[in-house]
Protein backbone atom coordinates (compact mmCIF):
# COMPACT_ATOMS: atom_id res chain seq x y z
CA MET A 1 0.00 0.00 0.00
CA ALA A 2 1.26 3.46 -0.90
CA ARG A 3 1.93 5.83 1.98
CA TYR A 4 2.24 9.62 1.72
CA LEU A 5 2.97 12.41 4.19
CA VAL A 6 1.63 15.93 3.75
CA CYS A 7 3.07 18.66 5.98
CA MET A 8 1.57 22.12 6.28
CA THR A 9 3.42 25.11 7.71
CA GLY A 10 2.56 28.70 8.52
CA ALA A 11 3.03 30.15 5.03
CA SER A 12 0.05 31.62 3.23
CA GLY A 13 -1.54 29.24 0.73
CA ALA A 14 -3.27 26.77 3.05
CA ILE A 15 -5.71 25.98 0.24
CA TYR A 16 -2.96 24.12 -1.63
CA GLY A 17 -2.36 21.70 1.25
CA ILE A 18 -6.06 21.18 1.87
CA ARG A 19 -6.75 20.53 -1.80
CA LEU A 20 -3.82 18.09 -2.03
CA LEU A 21 -5.29 16.12 0.88
CA GLN A 22 -8.70 16.10 -0.82
CA VAL A 23 -7.23 14.77 -4.06
CA LEU A 24 -5.11 12.09 -2.38
CA ALA A 25 -7.98 10.96 -0.16
CA SER A 26 -10.51 10.74 -2.98
CA GLY A 27 -11.78 7.24 -3.72
CA ASP A 28 -11.56 7.93 -7.44
CA GLY A 29 -8.35 9.96 -7.14
CA PRO A 30 -4.80 9.08 -8.16
CA CYS A 31 -4.10 6.71 -5.25
CA PRO A 32 -7.27 5.06 -3.90
CA GLY A 33 -6.60 3.24 -0.66
CA ALA A 34 -3.29 4.97 0.01
CA GLU A 35 -2.31 5.60 3.63
CA LEU A 36 -2.24 9.34 4.29
CA HIS A 37 -0.46 11.17 7.10
CA LEU A 38 -0.65 14.86 8.02
CA VAL A 39 1.53 17.10 10.15
CA ALA A 40 0.30 20.70 10.50
CA THR A 41 2.24 23.15 12.65
CA LYS A 42 0.39 25.44 15.05
CA TRP A 43 0.98 28.32 12.64
CA ALA A 44 -0.37 26.24 9.77
CA GLU A 45 -3.54 25.76 11.81
CA ARG A 46 -3.70 29.51 12.40
CA VAL A 47 -3.29 30.25 8.68
CA VAL A 48 -5.94 27.65 7.76
CA LEU A 49 -8.39 29.37 10.09
CA GLU A 50 -7.49 32.85 8.81
CA GLU A 51 -7.65 31.92 5.13
CA THR A 52 -10.62 29.53 5.09
CA GLY A 53 -12.68 30.54 8.13
CA SER A 54 -12.69 26.94 9.38
CA PRO A 55 -10.28 25.07 11.67
CA MET A 56 -7.96 22.40 10.30
CA ALA A 57 -9.86 19.67 12.14
CA SER A 58 -13.05 20.48 10.25
CA HIS A 59 -11.27 20.18 6.90
CA VAL A 60 -9.79 16.81 7.89
CA ALA A 61 -13.20 15.62 9.06
CA ALA A 62 -14.84 16.78 5.81
CA ILE A 63 -12.29 14.85 3.78
CA GLY A 64 -13.20 11.73 5.75
CA ASP A 65 -12.86 10.59 9.33
CA GLY A 66 -10.10 8.06 9.68
CA ARG A 67 -8.85 8.65 6.13
CA ILE A 68 -6.00 10.87 7.31
CA GLN A 69 -3.75 10.08 10.26
CA THR A 70 -2.70 13.32 11.95
CA HIS A 71 0.43 13.77 14.05
CA ASP A 72 1.34 16.39 16.64
CA PRO A 73 4.03 18.65 15.14
CA GLU A 74 5.97 18.52 18.41
CA ASP A 75 5.94 14.71 18.64
CA LEU A 76 9.38 13.67 17.45
CA ALA A 77 8.51 10.09 18.44
CA ALA A 78 5.74 9.88 15.81
CA PRO A 79 6.13 7.11 13.21
CA VAL A 80 6.88 9.56 10.39
CA SER A 81 10.00 10.75 12.25
CA SER A 82 11.82 7.52 11.38
CA GLY A 83 13.25 6.33 8.10
CA SER A 84 12.16 2.81 9.01
CA PHE A 85 8.56 4.01 8.59
CA THR A 86 8.79 4.01 4.81
CA LEU A 87 6.98 6.69 2.85
CA ASP A 88 6.47 6.89 -0.89
CA ALA A 89 6.85 10.67 -0.72
CA THR A 90 6.68 13.71 1.55
CA ALA A 91 5.19 17.04 0.46
CA VAL A 92 5.43 20.27 2.45
CA VAL A 93 2.51 22.37 1.19
CA PRO A 94 2.75 25.29 1.74
CA CYS A 95 6.36 25.45 2.84
CA SER A 96 7.39 28.51 4.85
CA MET A 97 10.85 29.88 4.20
CA GLY A 98 11.59 29.31 7.88
CA THR A 99 10.92 25.61 7.38
CA ALA A 100 12.95 25.51 4.18
CA GLY A 101 15.86 27.22 5.93
CA ALA A 102 15.66 24.83 8.88
CA VAL A 103 15.64 21.71 6.68
CA ALA A 104 18.46 23.12 4.55
CA SER A 105 20.47 23.65 7.75
CA GLY A 106 19.85 20.12 8.99
CA LEU A 107 17.63 21.14 11.90
CA SER A 108 14.93 18.86 13.33
CA ALA A 109 13.27 21.08 15.92
CA ASN A 110 9.76 19.88 15.03
CA LEU A 111 8.16 16.98 13.18
CA VAL A 112 7.91 18.82 9.85
CA GLN A 113 11.62 19.60 9.87
CA ARG A 114 12.42 16.04 10.95
CA ALA A 115 10.22 14.62 8.19
CA GLY A 116 12.08 16.71 5.64
CA ALA A 117 15.43 15.51 6.97
CA VAL A 118 14.26 11.89 6.88
CA ALA A 119 13.07 12.17 3.27
CA LEU A 120 16.43 13.58 2.20
CA LYS A 121 18.49 10.98 4.05
CA GLU A 122 16.33 8.10 2.83
CA GLY A 123 16.26 9.39 -0.74
CA TRP A 124 12.51 9.34 -1.24
CA PRO A 125 10.70 12.23 -2.96
CA LEU A 126 10.52 15.48 -0.99
CA ILE A 127 8.41 18.19 -2.60
CA LEU A 128 8.57 21.68 -1.12
CA VAL A 129 5.97 24.23 -2.19
CA PRO A 130 7.05 27.76 -1.19
CA ARG A 131 4.63 30.61 -1.82
CA GLU A 132 6.44 33.60 -0.36
CA THR A 133 7.54 36.42 -2.64
CA PRO A 134 9.92 38.12 -3.14
CA LEU A 135 12.69 35.80 -1.96
CA SER A 136 15.72 37.01 -0.06
CA LEU A 137 19.21 35.83 -0.93
CA ILE A 138 19.17 33.70 2.22
CA SER A 139 15.95 31.98 1.11
CA LEU A 140 17.30 31.43 -2.40
CA ARG A 141 20.45 29.84 -1.01
CA SER A 142 18.36 27.57 1.21
CA LEU A 143 16.32 26.45 -1.78
CA VAL A 144 19.46 25.77 -3.81
CA THR A 145 20.86 23.70 -0.94
CA LEU A 146 17.63 21.69 -0.76
CA LYS A 147 17.59 21.15 -4.54
CA GLU A 148 21.20 19.97 -4.43
CA ALA A 149 20.23 17.56 -1.65
CA GLY A 150 17.51 16.05 -3.82
CA ALA A 151 14.33 17.97 -3.01
CA VAL A 152 11.88 19.19 -5.65
CA ILE A 153 11.27 22.92 -5.31
CA LEU A 154 7.80 23.60 -6.69
CA PRO A 155 6.77 27.24 -6.12
CA ALA A 156 3.04 27.92 -5.95
CA SER A 157 3.18 29.90 -9.19
CA PRO A 158 0.37 28.77 -11.48
CA GLY A 159 0.50 29.32 -15.22
CA PHE A 160 -2.26 30.84 -17.27
CA TYR A 161 -2.01 28.83 -20.49
CA THR A 162 -4.92 26.70 -19.25
CA ARG A 163 -7.09 29.82 -19.24
CA PRO A 164 -8.27 29.36 -15.65
CA SER A 165 -11.80 30.46 -14.88
CA GLY A 166 -11.23 31.01 -11.16
CA ILE A 167 -9.15 30.34 -8.06
CA ASP A 168 -10.03 26.64 -7.99
CA ASP A 169 -8.48 26.15 -11.43
CA LEU A 170 -5.29 27.93 -10.33
CA VAL A 171 -5.06 25.81 -7.17
CA ASP A 172 -5.68 22.59 -9.08
CA GLN A 173 -2.92 23.41 -11.53
CA ILE A 174 -0.36 23.55 -8.72
CA VAL A 175 -1.82 20.50 -6.97
CA SER A 176 -1.69 18.50 -10.21
CA ARG A 177 2.03 19.31 -10.52
CA ILE A 178 2.60 18.21 -6.92
CA VAL A 179 0.75 14.97 -7.66
CA ASP A 180 2.96 14.47 -10.74
CA HIS A 181 6.03 14.64 -8.54
CA LEU A 182 4.50 12.14 -6.13
CA GLY A 183 4.67 9.74 -9.07
CA LEU A 184 0.90 9.87 -9.63
CA ALA A 185 -1.51 11.50 -12.06
CA MET A 186 -4.38 13.74 -11.03
CA PRO A 187 -7.59 12.90 -12.91
CA GLY A 188 -8.78 15.76 -15.09
CA ALA A 189 -5.54 17.71 -14.85
CA LYS A 190 -5.20 20.30 -17.60
CA ARG A 191 -1.92 19.97 -19.46
CA TRP A 192 -0.20 21.92 -22.18
CA GLU A 193 -0.68 20.11 -25.49
CA GLY A 194 0.54 22.82 -27.79
CA ARG A 195 -1.56 25.24 -29.71
CA GLY A 196 -1.52 25.82 -33.44
CA GLU A 197 -1.79 29.15 -35.17
CA GLU A 198 -5.01 30.96 -34.39
């Protein structure tokens, strides 16, 4: 059975993490029956509330009770803190620059940072989705370090070639790219197929 970890931090863009969980948990999604784990920092929970008007727990419940196993971000004894608890991939969505800098520096002060370190040392996919802009030189250097260590850096910067009709389309474009890098395919994803002369 496939097993994925989604981590959410205090960066703006909580909708990306929530939508990723919805897609992965869907019975007709890209990985039906997969085991899903979630670590959301306290600031992620604050951002979720600010940006959606609902607490994180209500989103998890709406996706499906028991479908997602949640872990306390301060519990460094959680299963996902060990490389022996094999994951098919880890995605940090959204990824704050503080988290990116911590993982790039080898810190493991909380479970999200530890999960990032474990993914890098074990060599399984680690997808980081920063949303902050502009980026300082320090942040850019952190991202380069993470890329050199094997992480995928996937900024939440949607394209417009799909001619999105609203926010949901923009969010789904980024989520579909994350799903691609999990080694899956998101049903209904809009992809560039070229366009002839008009």
